[in-house]
N, C-alpha and C. Protein backbone atom coordinates (compact mmCIF):
# COMPACT_ATOMS: atom_id res chain seq x y z
N UNK A 1 62.58 81.15 54.09
CA UNK A 1 64.24 81.72 54.02
C UNK A 1 63.80 83.71 53.85
N UNK A 2 64.43 84.64 54.48
CA UNK A 2 63.92 86.11 53.97
C UNK A 2 64.37 86.25 53.00
N UNK A 3 64.70 87.50 52.47
CA UNK A 3 65.78 88.04 51.56
C UNK A 3 66.71 89.02 51.69
N UNK A 4 67.09 89.02 51.90
CA UNK A 4 68.25 90.39 52.60
C UNK A 4 68.21 91.37 52.13
N UNK A 5 68.41 92.26 52.84
CA UNK A 5 67.98 94.09 52.25
C UNK A 5 69.26 94.39 51.25
N UNK A 6 68.53 95.18 50.48
CA UNK A 6 70.02 96.06 49.84
C UNK A 6 70.90 96.56 50.79
N UNK A 7 70.89 96.91 51.57
CA UNK A 7 72.15 97.53 52.50
C UNK A 7 72.91 95.88 52.74
N UNK A 8 71.99 95.38 53.14
CA UNK A 8 73.21 94.28 53.64
C UNK A 8 73.62 93.63 52.17
N UNK A 9 73.03 93.65 51.17
CA UNK A 9 73.72 93.06 50.05
C UNK A 9 74.72 94.13 49.69
N UNK A 10 74.74 95.50 49.86
CA UNK A 10 75.74 96.38 49.39
C UNK A 10 76.43 96.03 50.21
N UNK A 11 76.55 95.83 51.54
CA UNK A 11 77.81 95.86 52.45
C UNK A 11 78.34 94.83 52.12
N UNK A 12 77.77 94.01 51.57
CA UNK A 12 78.48 92.35 51.60
C UNK A 12 78.95 92.15 49.81
N UNK A 13 78.92 92.90 49.13
CA UNK A 13 79.10 93.49 47.61
C UNK A 13 80.52 94.03 47.90
N UNK A 14 80.50 95.20 48.84
CA UNK A 14 81.49 96.09 48.97
C UNK A 14 82.44 95.70 49.90
N UNK A 15 82.36 94.44 50.80
CA UNK A 15 83.40 94.36 51.53
C UNK A 15 83.64 92.98 51.00
N UNK A 16 83.13 92.16 49.83
CA UNK A 16 84.23 91.18 49.41
C UNK A 16 85.05 92.05 48.09
N UNK A 17 84.33 92.99 48.09
CA UNK A 17 85.24 93.61 46.61
C UNK A 17 86.59 93.79 46.88
N UNK A 18 86.84 94.46 48.43
CA UNK A 18 88.04 94.88 48.61
C UNK A 18 88.80 94.13 49.83
N UNK A 19 87.71 92.32 49.67
CA UNK A 19 88.86 91.28 50.32
C UNK A 19 88.33 91.03 51.57
N UNK A 20 87.98 92.05 52.57
CA UNK A 20 87.73 92.06 54.11
C UNK A 20 86.23 91.16 54.23
N UNK A 21 85.62 90.41 53.62
CA UNK A 21 84.58 89.63 53.91
C UNK A 21 84.92 88.09 54.72
N UNK A 22 84.65 88.18 55.99
CA UNK A 22 84.50 86.96 57.05
C UNK A 22 84.04 85.67 56.07
N UNK A 23 84.40 84.85 56.18
CA UNK A 23 84.20 83.42 56.15
C UNK A 23 82.54 83.39 57.03
N UNK A 24 82.27 84.08 57.75
CA UNK A 24 80.99 84.21 58.90
C UNK A 24 79.99 84.75 57.91
N UNK A 25 80.22 86.20 57.19
CA UNK A 25 79.35 86.55 56.69
C UNK A 25 78.91 86.14 55.62
N UNK A 26 79.96 85.76 54.59
CA UNK A 26 79.93 84.76 53.12
C UNK A 26 79.19 83.78 53.34
N UNK A 27 79.54 82.94 54.72
CA UNK A 27 78.19 82.03 54.99
C UNK A 27 76.65 82.21 55.23
N UNK A 28 76.43 83.08 55.69
CA UNK A 28 75.42 84.24 55.87
C UNK A 28 74.99 84.21 55.07
N UNK A 29 75.57 85.13 53.66
CA UNK A 29 75.01 85.40 53.16
C UNK A 29 74.24 84.62 52.15
N UNK A 30 75.23 83.32 52.37
CA UNK A 30 74.69 82.26 50.63
C UNK A 30 73.15 81.49 52.06
N UNK A 31 73.01 81.21 52.91
CA UNK A 31 71.82 81.08 54.13
C UNK A 31 70.81 81.22 53.95
N UNK A 32 70.97 82.94 53.95
CA UNK A 32 69.67 83.94 54.01
C UNK A 32 69.57 84.36 52.47
N UNK A 33 69.80 83.78 51.88
CA UNK A 33 69.65 84.39 50.00
C UNK A 33 69.02 83.01 49.37
N UNK A 34 67.60 83.00 48.87
CA UNK A 34 67.67 82.03 47.95
C UNK A 34 67.82 81.84 46.39
N UNK A 35 68.59 83.34 46.43
CA UNK A 35 68.77 83.31 45.29
C UNK A 35 70.04 84.49 45.00
N UNK A 36 71.15 84.20 44.01
CA UNK A 36 72.23 85.39 43.65
C UNK A 36 72.13 86.22 43.16
N UNK A 37 70.89 86.89 42.38
CA UNK A 37 70.70 87.71 41.40
C UNK A 37 71.07 89.13 42.07
N UNK A 38 70.06 89.32 43.12
CA UNK A 38 70.74 90.80 44.03
C UNK A 38 72.06 90.56 43.78
N UNK A 39 72.94 89.67 44.68
CA UNK A 39 74.39 89.68 44.83
C UNK A 39 75.00 90.45 43.27
N UNK A 40 74.65 89.79 42.17
CA UNK A 40 75.37 90.14 41.23
C UNK A 40 74.54 91.44 40.92
N UNK A 41 73.50 91.98 40.38
CA UNK A 41 73.04 93.02 40.55
C UNK A 41 73.90 94.53 40.73
N UNK A 42 73.88 94.49 42.10
CA UNK A 42 74.80 95.13 43.25
C UNK A 42 76.37 94.97 42.50
N UNK A 43 76.95 93.64 42.24
CA UNK A 43 78.07 93.88 42.42
C UNK A 43 78.67 94.73 40.90
N UNK A 44 77.40 94.14 39.91
CA UNK A 44 77.81 94.70 38.50
C UNK A 44 77.75 96.25 38.55
N UNK A 45 76.68 96.94 39.52
CA UNK A 45 77.00 97.94 39.48
C UNK A 45 78.42 98.70 40.16
N UNK A 46 78.32 98.54 41.11
CA UNK A 46 79.46 98.89 42.14
C UNK A 46 81.15 98.58 41.25
N UNK A 47 81.05 97.63 40.23
CA UNK A 47 82.33 97.48 39.73
C UNK A 47 82.43 98.88 38.60
N UNK A 48 80.74 98.63 37.78
CA UNK A 48 80.65 99.25 36.77
C UNK A 48 81.01 101.47 37.44
N UNK A 49 80.59 101.16 38.47
CA UNK A 49 81.07 102.86 39.32
C UNK A 49 82.24 102.72 39.77
N UNK A 50 82.91 101.95 39.73
CA UNK A 50 84.12 101.69 39.98
C UNK A 50 85.42 101.96 39.22
N UNK A 51 85.13 101.69 38.11
CA UNK A 51 86.05 101.38 37.09
C UNK A 51 85.69 103.04 36.81
N UNK A 52 84.38 103.66 36.17
CA UNK A 52 84.31 104.73 35.64
C UNK A 52 84.48 105.88 36.86
N UNK A 53 84.53 105.72 37.56
CA UNK A 53 85.44 106.77 38.87
C UNK A 53 87.07 107.03 38.87
N UNK A 54 87.32 105.32 38.95
CA UNK A 54 88.95 105.55 38.34
C UNK A 54 89.00 105.92 37.07
N UNK A 55 88.44 106.13 36.18
CA UNK A 55 89.06 106.83 34.36
C UNK A 55 88.81 107.89 34.88
N UNK A 56 87.49 108.73 35.75
CA UNK A 56 87.42 110.38 36.13
C UNK A 56 88.59 110.48 36.45
N UNK A 57 89.18 109.94 37.23
CA UNK A 57 90.12 110.14 38.43
C UNK A 57 91.23 110.38 37.75
N UNK A 58 91.87 109.31 36.79
CA UNK A 58 93.18 109.38 36.12
C UNK A 58 92.37 110.48 34.83
N UNK A 59 91.86 110.75 34.53
CA UNK A 59 91.75 111.81 33.16
C UNK A 59 91.75 113.10 33.99
N UNK A 60 91.31 113.62 34.98
CA UNK A 60 91.72 114.48 35.67
C UNK A 60 93.02 114.55 36.16
N UNK A 61 93.80 113.73 36.73
CA UNK A 61 95.37 113.86 36.75
C UNK A 61 96.31 113.99 36.18
N UNK A 62 95.87 113.39 34.94
CA UNK A 62 96.51 113.63 33.13
C UNK A 62 96.70 114.96 33.05
N UNK A 63 94.93 115.93 32.88
CA UNK A 63 94.91 116.95 32.28
C UNK A 63 95.91 118.01 33.11
């Protein structure tokens, strides 16, 4: 099994975060990667960036 590239992992995480991940792509992710670690790392970073950007946007709009 080959490791998915970081761009493939990022695309998968973003698609699943917004609820548009297809069942086919999700299944392919599980079959292509022997480890869940890349998805966890990218997912945590994505969520952190998303939350911080929302906080900055709200703070900017409130001022």
